């Protein structure tokens, strides 16, 4: 036999349907928070990748610009020395290493002489030394 429930008892013991209905939004909110956290994490990864790509792009841009100046200096040495492209490269590397100056700085200084700039004395000395070493190697090998 079923007992009759009073209004007071009904208020104290909510139905399982009502409890389930009240818990659904909380579960959905938890799922949404979890999805939001995943999206934030993915966005952080994408921001980091975008930053790395920007840095790499800038490095490549600088390398291309440096390469153009280095090729111009190489051509100048091929005409002035006279020597092959490989020997001109070796001369630039030699001056850079012995002068403790970046290769693109040596190349830019050499190219600037075509515009009337003076070639720095310390680089001039290193270039003379590199040319002497180059000619000594050619005499020895040739």
Protein backbone atom coordinates (compact mmCIF):
# COMPACT_ATOMS: atom_id res chain seq x y z
CA UNK A 1 0.00 0.00 0.00
CA UNK A 2 1.27 3.42 -0.99
CA UNK A 3 1.60 6.09 1.57
CA UNK A 4 0.42 9.56 0.87
CA UNK A 5 3.10 12.21 1.00
CA UNK A 6 2.53 15.55 2.49
CA UNK A 7 3.54 18.77 0.79
CA UNK A 8 6.18 19.24 3.41
CA UNK A 9 7.73 15.82 2.68
CA UNK A 10 7.65 16.49 -1.07
CA UNK A 11 9.64 19.66 -0.56
CA UNK A 12 12.19 17.86 1.57
CA UNK A 13 12.73 14.93 -0.81
CA UNK A 14 12.94 16.24 -4.39
CA UNK A 15 12.25 13.79 -7.13
CA UNK A 16 15.15 12.09 -8.91
CA UNK A 17 14.01 13.71 -12.14
CA UNK A 18 14.26 17.13 -10.60
CA UNK A 19 17.73 16.37 -9.22
CA UNK A 20 18.87 15.08 -12.61
CA UNK A 21 17.47 18.16 -14.32
CA UNK A 22 19.31 20.43 -11.91
CA UNK A 23 22.60 18.54 -12.35
CA UNK A 24 22.60 18.67 -16.18
CA UNK A 25 23.56 22.37 -16.44
CA UNK A 26 26.37 21.86 -13.94
CA UNK A 27 27.75 18.95 -15.99
CA UNK A 28 27.43 20.97 -19.20
CA UNK A 29 29.21 23.90 -17.55
CA UNK A 30 32.06 21.58 -16.54
CA UNK A 31 32.34 20.26 -20.10
CA UNK A 32 32.34 23.81 -21.46
CA UNK A 33 35.08 24.83 -19.01
CA UNK A 34 37.14 21.83 -20.10
CA UNK A 35 36.65 22.70 -23.79
CA UNK A 36 37.55 26.34 -23.08
CA UNK A 37 40.76 25.23 -21.33
CA UNK A 38 41.69 23.06 -24.32
CA UNK A 39 41.03 25.95 -26.72
CA UNK A 40 43.16 28.30 -24.60
CA UNK A 41 45.95 25.74 -24.61
CA UNK A 42 45.73 25.32 -28.39
CA UNK A 43 45.71 29.11 -28.83
CA UNK A 44 48.86 29.37 -26.70
CA UNK A 45 50.58 26.77 -28.88
CA UNK A 46 49.51 28.60 -32.05
CA UNK A 47 50.77 31.94 -30.67
CA UNK A 48 54.13 30.37 -29.85
CA UNK A 49 54.36 28.82 -33.33
CA UNK A 50 53.45 32.14 -34.95
CA UNK A 51 56.18 33.88 -32.94
CA UNK A 52 58.76 31.26 -33.96
CA UNK A 53 57.76 31.66 -37.62
CA UNK A 54 58.09 35.45 -37.41
CA UNK A 55 61.57 35.12 -35.91
CA UNK A 56 62.60 32.59 -38.56
CA UNK A 57 61.17 34.80 -41.31
CA UNK A 58 63.19 37.77 -40.06
CA UNK A 59 66.36 35.65 -39.90
CA UNK A 60 65.81 34.45 -43.46
CA UNK A 61 65.19 38.02 -44.65
CA UNK A 62 68.46 39.14 -43.05
CA UNK A 63 70.29 36.17 -44.56
CA UNK A 64 69.01 37.03 -48.04
CA UNK A 65 70.05 40.67 -47.66
CA UNK A 66 73.47 39.62 -46.35
CA UNK A 67 73.85 37.15 -49.17
CA UNK A 68 73.34 39.85 -51.80
CA UNK A 69 76.06 42.05 -50.26
CA UNK A 70 78.39 39.08 -49.89
CA UNK A 71 77.88 38.11 -53.54
CA UNK A 72 78.62 41.69 -54.63
CA UNK A 73 81.84 41.73 -52.59
CA UNK A 74 82.75 38.34 -54.01
CA UNK A 75 82.33 39.70 -57.52
CA UNK A 76 84.48 42.72 -56.71
CA UNK A 77 87.27 40.47 -55.42
CA UNK A 78 87.02 38.27 -58.53
CA UNK A 79 87.70 41.35 -60.66
CA UNK A 80 90.28 43.02 -58.41
CA UNK A 81 92.31 39.97 -57.31
CA UNK A 82 91.69 38.40 -60.12
CA UNK A 83 90.51 35.02 -58.87
CA UNK A 84 87.72 32.45 -59.09
CA UNK A 85 84.46 32.68 -57.19
CA UNK A 86 85.69 30.05 -54.72
CA UNK A 87 88.94 31.94 -54.10
CA UNK A 88 87.01 35.19 -53.61
CA UNK A 89 84.85 33.43 -51.04
CA UNK A 90 87.97 32.12 -49.30
CA UNK A 91 89.41 35.64 -49.22
CA UNK A 92 86.27 37.04 -47.59
CA UNK A 93 86.22 34.23 -45.03
CA UNK A 94 89.94 34.71 -44.34
CA UNK A 95 89.55 38.47 -43.76
CA UNK A 96 86.51 37.85 -41.57
CA UNK A 97 88.21 35.24 -39.42
CA UNK A 98 91.57 36.97 -39.07
CA UNK A 99 89.97 40.34 -38.47
CA UNK A 100 87.38 38.89 -36.08
CA UNK A 101 84.63 40.67 -38.02
CA UNK A 102 81.40 39.19 -39.34
CA UNK A 103 81.65 38.22 -42.98
CA UNK A 104 78.69 40.41 -43.98
CA UNK A 105 80.39 43.41 -42.32
CA UNK A 106 83.57 42.78 -44.32
CA UNK A 107 81.50 42.42 -47.50
CA UNK A 108 79.48 45.57 -46.80
CA UNK A 109 82.66 47.57 -46.18
CA UNK A 110 84.16 46.33 -49.45
CA UNK A 111 80.98 47.09 -51.43
CA UNK A 112 80.80 50.55 -49.82
CA UNK A 113 84.18 51.40 -51.44
CA UNK A 114 82.35 51.41 -54.79
CA UNK A 115 80.27 54.29 -53.38
CA UNK A 116 83.37 56.23 -52.36
CA UNK A 117 83.61 55.02 -48.75
CA UNK A 118 87.05 54.31 -47.36
CA UNK A 119 87.88 50.69 -46.65
CA UNK A 120 88.69 50.48 -42.90
CA UNK A 121 92.41 50.19 -42.19
CA UNK A 122 92.17 47.04 -40.09
CA UNK A 123 90.22 45.31 -42.89
CA UNK A 124 92.69 46.60 -45.48
CA UNK A 125 95.53 44.99 -43.51
CA UNK A 126 93.60 41.72 -43.21
CA UNK A 127 92.79 41.74 -46.94
CA UNK A 128 96.46 42.26 -47.83
CA UNK A 129 97.38 39.35 -45.56
CA UNK A 130 94.65 37.18 -47.10
CA UNK A 131 95.87 38.01 -50.61
CA UNK A 132 99.47 37.13 -49.64
CA UNK A 133 98.29 33.81 -48.20
CA UNK A 134 96.21 33.15 -51.33
CA UNK A 135 99.12 33.87 -53.68
CA UNK A 136 101.49 31.75 -51.56
CA UNK A 137 99.02 28.86 -51.75
CA UNK A 138 98.65 29.30 -55.54
CA UNK A 139 102.44 29.30 -56.02
CA UNK A 140 102.81 26.24 -53.82
CA UNK A 141 99.93 24.32 -55.49
CA UNK A 142 100.41 25.55 -59.03
